Amino acid sequence: MTTDQKTVEEANRGHLLRSLDHGGLDGALASLDTYYTAGFVRHGDKGDYDRERLAEGLRRLYTGFPDLARLQFDIISQGDRVAYRWEATGTHLGEYLGVRPTYRAVTARGMVMCRFEDGLIAEEWASWNKVSLLHDLGIIPLGR
């Protein structure tokens, strides 16, 4: 690995961490303008979506869980990619996924791989365990 490549990988990793350190809905929405390309695409279980659709999802998420807190683990950089796993916790205080507030504490976990372009996040592949969240909300009973 060249020094230039290592520098780019370190810069992308730092950029990712700054993009995730937003402390609430307003910061999360501002992060989209600051750290993501105009043509950003997220690939998820429901298909592909752009920055605006990601913003809509963030609004729904913070409506449902206004105290949302998120941690990142195992951040790995290689070339123009940065991958990490995450854990989010919050209290279900507003409607989310069509479910009225349950006032239950929840934990969700997932993984994301980002592709950077000129120092901005251009593309993400995201996966998370929705079944576990629905169990925590009391919607899907699981024997665990």
N, C-alpha and C. Protein backbone atom coordinates (compact mmCIF):
# COMPACT_ATOMS: atom_id res chain seq x y z
N MET A 1 0.84 -1.17 0.00
CA MET A 1 0.00 0.00 0.00
C MET A 1 0.89 1.24 0.00
N THR A 2 0.54 2.17 -0.86
CA THR A 2 1.31 3.41 -0.93
C THR A 2 0.88 4.36 0.18
N THR A 3 1.74 5.33 0.45
CA THR A 3 1.42 6.34 1.46
C THR A 3 0.18 7.13 1.04
N ASP A 4 0.07 7.44 -0.26
CA ASP A 4 -1.10 8.18 -0.74
C ASP A 4 -2.38 7.40 -0.52
N GLN A 5 -2.35 6.09 -0.80
CA GLN A 5 -3.54 5.26 -0.62
C GLN A 5 -3.92 5.20 0.86
N LYS A 6 -2.94 5.03 1.73
CA LYS A 6 -3.21 4.99 3.16
C LYS A 6 -3.81 6.32 3.64
N THR A 7 -3.30 7.42 3.12
CA THR A 7 -3.81 8.73 3.48
C THR A 7 -5.27 8.88 3.05
N VAL A 8 -5.61 8.43 1.86
CA VAL A 8 -6.99 8.50 1.37
C VAL A 8 -7.89 7.63 2.24
N GLU A 9 -7.44 6.42 2.56
CA GLU A 9 -8.24 5.52 3.39
C GLU A 9 -8.49 6.13 4.78
N GLU A 10 -7.46 6.72 5.37
CA GLU A 10 -7.61 7.36 6.68
C GLU A 10 -8.55 8.56 6.59
N ALA A 11 -8.44 9.33 5.51
CA ALA A 11 -9.32 10.48 5.32
C ALA A 11 -10.77 10.03 5.17
N ASN A 12 -11.00 8.98 4.39
CA ASN A 12 -12.37 8.47 4.21
C ASN A 12 -12.94 7.96 5.52
N ARG A 13 -12.12 7.26 6.30
CA ARG A 13 -12.58 6.76 7.60
C ARG A 13 -12.97 7.92 8.52
N GLY A 14 -12.12 8.93 8.59
CA GLY A 14 -12.42 10.11 9.41
C GLY A 14 -13.67 10.83 8.93
N HIS A 15 -13.80 10.93 7.63
CA HIS A 15 -14.98 11.57 7.02
C HIS A 15 -16.25 10.81 7.41
N LEU A 16 -16.20 9.49 7.34
CA LEU A 16 -17.35 8.68 7.73
C LEU A 16 -17.72 8.93 9.19
N LEU A 17 -16.73 8.90 10.07
CA LEU A 17 -17.01 9.11 11.50
C LEU A 17 -17.63 10.48 11.75
N ARG A 18 -17.14 11.51 11.06
CA ARG A 18 -17.74 12.85 11.22
C ARG A 18 -19.17 12.86 10.70
N SER A 19 -19.44 12.14 9.63
CA SER A 19 -20.80 12.12 9.06
C SER A 19 -21.80 11.47 10.01
N LEU A 20 -21.31 10.57 10.85
CA LEU A 20 -22.20 9.85 11.78
C LEU A 20 -22.32 10.53 13.14
N ASP A 21 -21.48 11.52 13.40
CA ASP A 21 -21.47 12.21 14.70
C ASP A 21 -22.35 13.45 14.62
N HIS A 22 -23.67 13.22 14.52
CA HIS A 22 -24.56 14.35 14.27
C HIS A 22 -25.49 14.68 15.42
N GLY A 23 -25.69 13.83 16.39
CA GLY A 23 -26.42 14.16 17.60
C GLY A 23 -27.88 14.55 17.43
N GLY A 24 -28.59 13.95 16.54
CA GLY A 24 -30.02 14.22 16.39
C GLY A 24 -30.43 14.46 14.96
N LEU A 25 -31.71 14.66 14.76
CA LEU A 25 -32.27 14.79 13.42
C LEU A 25 -31.68 15.96 12.63
N ASP A 26 -31.63 17.13 13.22
CA ASP A 26 -31.11 18.29 12.48
C ASP A 26 -29.68 18.05 12.01
N GLY A 27 -28.86 17.50 12.87
CA GLY A 27 -27.48 17.20 12.50
C GLY A 27 -27.40 16.11 11.44
N ALA A 28 -28.27 15.12 11.54
CA ALA A 28 -28.28 14.03 10.56
C ALA A 28 -28.65 14.56 9.18
N LEU A 29 -29.63 15.44 9.12
CA LEU A 29 -30.04 16.02 7.83
C LEU A 29 -28.95 16.92 7.27
N ALA A 30 -28.31 17.71 8.11
CA ALA A 30 -27.21 18.57 7.67
C ALA A 30 -26.04 17.73 7.17
N SER A 31 -25.83 16.59 7.80
CA SER A 31 -24.76 15.68 7.41
C SER A 31 -24.92 15.21 5.96
N LEU A 32 -26.15 15.02 5.52
CA LEU A 32 -26.40 14.58 4.15
C LEU A 32 -25.86 15.59 3.15
N ASP A 33 -26.05 16.87 3.43
CA ASP A 33 -25.56 17.92 2.53
C ASP A 33 -24.04 18.07 2.59
N THR A 34 -23.47 17.79 3.75
CA THR A 34 -22.05 18.01 3.96
C THR A 34 -21.18 16.84 3.51
N TYR A 35 -21.64 15.62 3.75
CA TYR A 35 -20.77 14.45 3.60
C TYR A 35 -21.17 13.48 2.48
N TYR A 36 -22.26 13.75 1.78
CA TYR A 36 -22.75 12.82 0.75
C TYR A 36 -22.78 13.52 -0.61
N THR A 37 -22.49 12.78 -1.67
CA THR A 37 -22.55 13.35 -3.01
C THR A 37 -24.00 13.64 -3.38
N ALA A 38 -24.19 14.55 -4.34
CA ALA A 38 -25.54 14.87 -4.82
C ALA A 38 -26.21 13.63 -5.42
N GLY A 39 -25.42 12.76 -6.04
CA GLY A 39 -25.97 11.56 -6.67
C GLY A 39 -25.91 10.32 -5.81
N PHE A 40 -25.79 10.50 -4.50
CA PHE A 40 -25.71 9.39 -3.55
C PHE A 40 -26.82 8.36 -3.78
N VAL A 41 -26.44 7.07 -3.64
CA VAL A 41 -27.40 5.97 -3.72
C VAL A 41 -27.15 5.01 -2.57
N ARG A 42 -28.21 4.64 -1.86
CA ARG A 42 -28.13 3.60 -0.82
C ARG A 42 -28.84 2.37 -1.35
N HIS A 43 -28.17 1.24 -1.23
CA HIS A 43 -28.74 -0.05 -1.62
C HIS A 43 -29.17 -0.74 -0.33
N GLY A 44 -30.46 -1.02 -0.20
CA GLY A 44 -30.97 -1.68 0.99
C GLY A 44 -31.94 -2.78 0.65
N ASP A 45 -32.57 -3.33 1.66
CA ASP A 45 -33.48 -4.45 1.45
C ASP A 45 -34.74 -4.07 0.67
N LYS A 46 -35.07 -2.80 0.62
CA LYS A 46 -36.26 -2.34 -0.12
C LYS A 46 -35.88 -1.69 -1.45
N GLY A 47 -34.66 -1.95 -1.92
CA GLY A 47 -34.21 -1.37 -3.19
C GLY A 47 -33.27 -0.20 -2.97
N ASP A 48 -33.05 0.55 -4.03
CA ASP A 48 -32.13 1.67 -4.00
C ASP A 48 -32.87 2.97 -3.71
N TYR A 49 -32.21 3.87 -2.99
CA TYR A 49 -32.80 5.18 -2.79
C TYR A 49 -31.73 6.25 -2.66
N ASP A 50 -32.18 7.50 -2.85
CA ASP A 50 -31.27 8.64 -2.91
C ASP A 50 -31.24 9.39 -1.58
N ARG A 51 -30.56 10.54 -1.60
CA ARG A 51 -30.42 11.35 -0.37
C ARG A 51 -31.76 11.79 0.18
N GLU A 52 -32.68 12.19 -0.69
CA GLU A 52 -33.99 12.66 -0.21
C GLU A 52 -34.75 11.54 0.48
N ARG A 53 -34.70 10.37 -0.10
CA ARG A 53 -35.40 9.24 0.53
C ARG A 53 -34.71 8.85 1.84
N LEU A 54 -33.38 8.96 1.89
CA LEU A 54 -32.68 8.72 3.15
C LEU A 54 -33.09 9.75 4.19
N ALA A 55 -33.24 11.00 3.79
CA ALA A 55 -33.69 12.05 4.72
C ALA A 55 -35.08 11.73 5.26
N GLU A 56 -35.97 11.26 4.40
CA GLU A 56 -37.32 10.88 4.86
C GLU A 56 -37.24 9.77 5.89
N GLY A 57 -36.38 8.79 5.64
CA GLY A 57 -36.20 7.69 6.59
C GLY A 57 -35.65 8.18 7.92
N LEU A 58 -34.71 9.12 7.88
CA LEU A 58 -34.17 9.69 9.12
C LEU A 58 -35.24 10.44 9.90
N ARG A 59 -36.11 11.18 9.19
CA ARG A 59 -37.20 11.89 9.88
C ARG A 59 -38.12 10.89 10.59
N ARG A 60 -38.47 9.81 9.90
CA ARG A 60 -39.33 8.78 10.52
C ARG A 60 -38.65 8.14 11.72
N LEU A 61 -37.36 7.86 11.57
CA LEU A 61 -36.60 7.21 12.63
C LEU A 61 -36.55 8.08 13.89
N TYR A 62 -36.21 9.37 13.71
CA TYR A 62 -36.11 10.26 14.86
C TYR A 62 -37.48 10.63 15.43
N THR A 63 -38.55 10.54 14.63
CA THR A 63 -39.90 10.72 15.17
C THR A 63 -40.23 9.56 16.10
N GLY A 64 -39.88 8.36 15.69
CA GLY A 64 -40.16 7.18 16.50
C GLY A 64 -39.26 7.05 17.71
N PHE A 65 -38.00 7.48 17.55
CA PHE A 65 -37.00 7.30 18.60
C PHE A 65 -36.21 8.60 18.79
N PRO A 66 -36.81 9.61 19.42
CA PRO A 66 -36.14 10.92 19.53
C PRO A 66 -34.84 10.89 20.33
N ASP A 67 -34.66 9.86 21.17
CA ASP A 67 -33.43 9.75 21.96
C ASP A 67 -32.42 8.80 21.32
N LEU A 68 -32.55 8.56 20.03
CA LEU A 68 -31.70 7.62 19.31
C LEU A 68 -30.22 7.90 19.55
N ALA A 69 -29.48 6.85 19.86
CA ALA A 69 -28.02 6.93 20.02
C ALA A 69 -27.41 5.79 19.21
N ARG A 70 -26.30 6.06 18.57
CA ARG A 70 -25.71 5.08 17.67
C ARG A 70 -24.21 4.99 17.89
N LEU A 71 -23.69 3.77 17.88
CA LEU A 71 -22.26 3.52 18.01
C LEU A 71 -21.78 2.76 16.79
N GLN A 72 -20.52 2.99 16.40
CA GLN A 72 -19.91 2.29 15.28
C GLN A 72 -18.78 1.41 15.80
N PHE A 73 -18.65 0.23 15.18
CA PHE A 73 -17.61 -0.72 15.57
C PHE A 73 -16.93 -1.27 14.33
N ASP A 74 -15.75 -1.82 14.51
CA ASP A 74 -15.04 -2.56 13.46
C ASP A 74 -15.01 -1.80 12.14
N ILE A 75 -14.52 -0.60 12.18
CA ILE A 75 -14.46 0.23 10.98
C ILE A 75 -13.23 -0.18 10.16
N ILE A 76 -13.49 -0.59 8.93
CA ILE A 76 -12.43 -1.12 8.07
C ILE A 76 -12.39 -0.31 6.78
N SER A 77 -11.20 0.20 6.44
CA SER A 77 -11.02 0.99 5.22
C SER A 77 -10.14 0.22 4.25
N GLN A 78 -10.55 0.23 2.99
CA GLN A 78 -9.72 -0.35 1.93
C GLN A 78 -10.07 0.35 0.62
N GLY A 79 -9.08 0.95 0.03
CA GLY A 79 -9.31 1.67 -1.22
C GLY A 79 -10.34 2.78 -1.02
N ASP A 80 -11.37 2.79 -1.87
CA ASP A 80 -12.42 3.82 -1.76
C ASP A 80 -13.60 3.35 -0.91
N ARG A 81 -13.42 2.25 -0.16
CA ARG A 81 -14.51 1.67 0.66
C ARG A 81 -14.21 1.79 2.14
N VAL A 82 -15.26 2.02 2.91
CA VAL A 82 -15.19 1.96 4.37
C VAL A 82 -16.41 1.16 4.83
N ALA A 83 -16.17 0.11 5.60
CA ALA A 83 -17.25 -0.73 6.12
C ALA A 83 -17.25 -0.65 7.64
N TYR A 84 -18.43 -0.77 8.22
CA TYR A 84 -18.54 -0.76 9.67
C TYR A 84 -19.83 -1.45 10.09
N ARG A 85 -19.84 -1.88 11.34
CA ARG A 85 -21.09 -2.37 11.91
C ARG A 85 -21.52 -1.36 12.97
N TRP A 86 -22.81 -1.34 13.24
CA TRP A 86 -23.34 -0.33 14.14
C TRP A 86 -24.36 -0.94 15.10
N GLU A 87 -24.60 -0.22 16.18
CA GLU A 87 -25.64 -0.57 17.14
C GLU A 87 -26.34 0.73 17.52
N ALA A 88 -27.67 0.71 17.45
CA ALA A 88 -28.46 1.89 17.82
C ALA A 88 -29.40 1.52 18.95
N THR A 89 -29.56 2.44 19.88
CA THR A 89 -30.51 2.25 20.98
C THR A 89 -31.42 3.47 21.03
N GLY A 90 -32.61 3.25 21.54
CA GLY A 90 -33.56 4.35 21.68
C GLY A 90 -34.81 3.88 22.38
N THR A 91 -35.68 4.82 22.66
CA THR A 91 -36.96 4.53 23.29
C THR A 91 -38.06 4.87 22.30
N HIS A 92 -38.98 3.96 22.10
CA HIS A 92 -40.05 4.13 21.11
C HIS A 92 -41.10 5.11 21.66
N LEU A 93 -40.89 6.40 21.38
CA LEU A 93 -41.75 7.47 21.92
C LEU A 93 -42.68 8.09 20.89
N GLY A 94 -42.54 7.70 19.62
CA GLY A 94 -43.38 8.22 18.55
C GLY A 94 -43.68 7.11 17.56
N GLU A 95 -44.59 7.36 16.64
CA GLU A 95 -44.96 6.33 15.67
C GLU A 95 -43.76 5.96 14.79
N TYR A 96 -43.60 4.65 14.57
CA TYR A 96 -42.55 4.15 13.70
C TYR A 96 -43.03 2.86 13.05
N LEU A 97 -42.84 2.75 11.74
CA LEU A 97 -43.29 1.59 10.97
C LEU A 97 -44.77 1.33 11.18
N GLY A 98 -45.54 2.39 11.36
CA GLY A 98 -46.98 2.26 11.56
C GLY A 98 -47.38 1.82 12.96
N VAL A 99 -46.43 1.77 13.87
CA VAL A 99 -46.69 1.31 15.24
C VAL A 99 -46.71 2.51 16.17
N ARG A 100 -47.79 2.64 16.93
CA ARG A 100 -47.87 3.72 17.93
C ARG A 100 -46.81 3.51 19.01
N PRO A 101 -46.47 4.56 19.74
CA PRO A 101 -45.42 4.44 20.76
C PRO A 101 -45.71 3.31 21.75
N THR A 102 -44.68 2.51 22.00
CA THR A 102 -44.78 1.44 22.99
C THR A 102 -44.02 1.81 24.26
N TYR A 103 -43.22 2.85 24.21
CA TYR A 103 -42.39 3.33 25.31
C TYR A 103 -41.36 2.29 25.74
N ARG A 104 -41.06 1.37 24.84
CA ARG A 104 -40.06 0.34 25.11
C ARG A 104 -38.69 0.79 24.62
N ALA A 105 -37.68 0.35 25.35
CA ALA A 105 -36.29 0.55 24.91
C ALA A 105 -35.99 -0.51 23.86
N VAL A 106 -35.30 -0.10 22.81
CA VAL A 106 -34.96 -1.03 21.72
C VAL A 106 -33.48 -0.93 21.39
N THR A 107 -33.00 -1.99 20.78
CA THR A 107 -31.64 -2.04 20.24
C THR A 107 -31.72 -2.61 18.84
N ALA A 108 -31.05 -1.96 17.91
CA ALA A 108 -30.97 -2.46 16.54
C ALA A 108 -29.51 -2.54 16.15
N ARG A 109 -29.21 -3.50 15.28
CA ARG A 109 -27.83 -3.69 14.83
C ARG A 109 -27.80 -3.89 13.32
N GLY A 110 -26.70 -3.45 12.70
CA GLY A 110 -26.56 -3.64 11.27
C GLY A 110 -25.15 -3.39 10.80
N MET A 111 -25.01 -3.43 9.47
CA MET A 111 -23.71 -3.21 8.83
C MET A 111 -23.90 -2.32 7.61
N VAL A 112 -22.88 -1.54 7.32
CA VAL A 112 -22.90 -0.65 6.15
C VAL A 112 -21.53 -0.68 5.49
N MET A 113 -21.55 -0.69 4.18
CA MET A 113 -20.32 -0.48 3.42
C MET A 113 -20.52 0.77 2.57
N CYS A 114 -19.57 1.68 2.65
CA CYS A 114 -19.65 2.95 1.91
C CYS A 114 -18.59 2.98 0.81
N ARG A 115 -18.95 3.60 -0.30
CA ARG A 115 -17.98 3.89 -1.35
C ARG A 115 -17.82 5.40 -1.43
N PHE A 116 -16.59 5.85 -1.40
CA PHE A 116 -16.29 7.27 -1.43
C PHE A 116 -15.90 7.71 -2.83
N GLU A 117 -16.24 8.94 -3.12
CA GLU A 117 -15.90 9.56 -4.40
C GLU A 117 -15.49 11.00 -4.09
N ASP A 118 -14.24 11.34 -4.36
CA ASP A 118 -13.72 12.68 -4.09
C ASP A 118 -13.99 13.12 -2.64
N GLY A 119 -13.81 12.20 -1.70
CA GLY A 119 -13.95 12.52 -0.29
C GLY A 119 -15.37 12.55 0.24
N LEU A 120 -16.35 12.22 -0.59
CA LEU A 120 -17.75 12.21 -0.15
C LEU A 120 -18.32 10.80 -0.31
N ILE A 121 -19.32 10.49 0.49
CA ILE A 121 -19.98 9.18 0.42
C ILE A 121 -20.89 9.18 -0.81
N ALA A 122 -20.58 8.31 -1.75
CA ALA A 122 -21.33 8.26 -3.01
C ALA A 122 -22.33 7.11 -3.04
N GLU A 123 -22.03 6.06 -2.27
CA GLU A 123 -22.86 4.86 -2.35
C GLU A 123 -22.73 4.10 -1.03
N GLU A 124 -23.83 3.47 -0.61
CA GLU A 124 -23.82 2.62 0.57
C GLU A 124 -24.59 1.34 0.30
N TRP A 125 -24.13 0.28 0.94
CA TRP A 125 -24.87 -0.97 0.98
C TRP A 125 -25.16 -1.19 2.45
N ALA A 126 -26.44 -1.28 2.81
CA ALA A 126 -26.83 -1.33 4.21
C ALA A 126 -27.72 -2.53 4.50
N SER A 127 -27.50 -3.12 5.66
CA SER A 127 -28.32 -4.25 6.10
C SER A 127 -28.47 -4.17 7.61
N TRP A 128 -29.69 -4.40 8.10
CA TRP A 128 -29.91 -4.41 9.54
C TRP A 128 -31.02 -5.38 9.90
N ASN A 129 -31.09 -5.72 11.17
CA ASN A 129 -32.01 -6.75 11.65
C ASN A 129 -33.34 -6.13 12.09
N LYS A 130 -34.28 -5.99 11.16
CA LYS A 130 -35.59 -5.42 11.47
C LYS A 130 -36.41 -6.34 12.35
N VAL A 131 -36.25 -7.64 12.20
CA VAL A 131 -37.02 -8.59 13.00
C VAL A 131 -36.72 -8.40 14.49
N SER A 132 -35.46 -8.20 14.81
CA SER A 132 -35.08 -7.98 16.21
C SER A 132 -35.74 -6.71 16.76
N LEU A 133 -35.79 -5.66 15.96
CA LEU A 133 -36.44 -4.42 16.38
C LEU A 133 -37.93 -4.65 16.60
N LEU A 134 -38.58 -5.34 15.68
CA LEU A 134 -40.01 -5.62 15.84
C LEU A 134 -40.27 -6.49 17.06
N HIS A 135 -39.35 -7.37 17.39
CA HIS A 135 -39.47 -8.16 18.63
C HIS A 135 -39.37 -7.23 19.84
N ASP A 136 -38.37 -6.35 19.84
CA ASP A 136 -38.22 -5.42 20.97
C ASP A 136 -39.46 -4.55 21.16
N LEU A 137 -40.16 -4.23 20.06
CA LEU A 137 -41.37 -3.42 20.14
C LEU A 137 -42.59 -4.24 20.56
N GLY A 138 -42.43 -5.57 20.64
CA GLY A 138 -43.53 -6.44 21.05
C GLY A 138 -44.45 -6.82 19.90
N ILE A 139 -44.04 -6.59 18.67
CA ILE A 139 -44.87 -6.86 17.50
C ILE A 139 -44.71 -8.29 17.03
N ILE A 140 -43.49 -8.79 17.06
CA ILE A 140 -43.21 -10.16 16.66
C ILE A 140 -42.66 -10.90 17.89
N PRO A 141 -43.42 -11.86 18.41
CA PRO A 141 -42.89 -12.61 19.56
C PRO A 141 -41.83 -13.61 19.09
N LEU A 142 -40.71 -13.60 19.78
CA LEU A 142 -39.63 -14.54 19.51
C LEU A 142 -39.22 -15.19 20.81
N GLY A 143 -38.87 -16.43 20.75
CA GLY A 143 -38.41 -17.11 21.96
C GLY A 143 -36.94 -16.87 22.20
N ARG A 144 -36.60 -15.69 22.70
CA ARG A 144 -35.19 -15.43 23.05
C ARG A 144 -35.09 -14.79 24.39
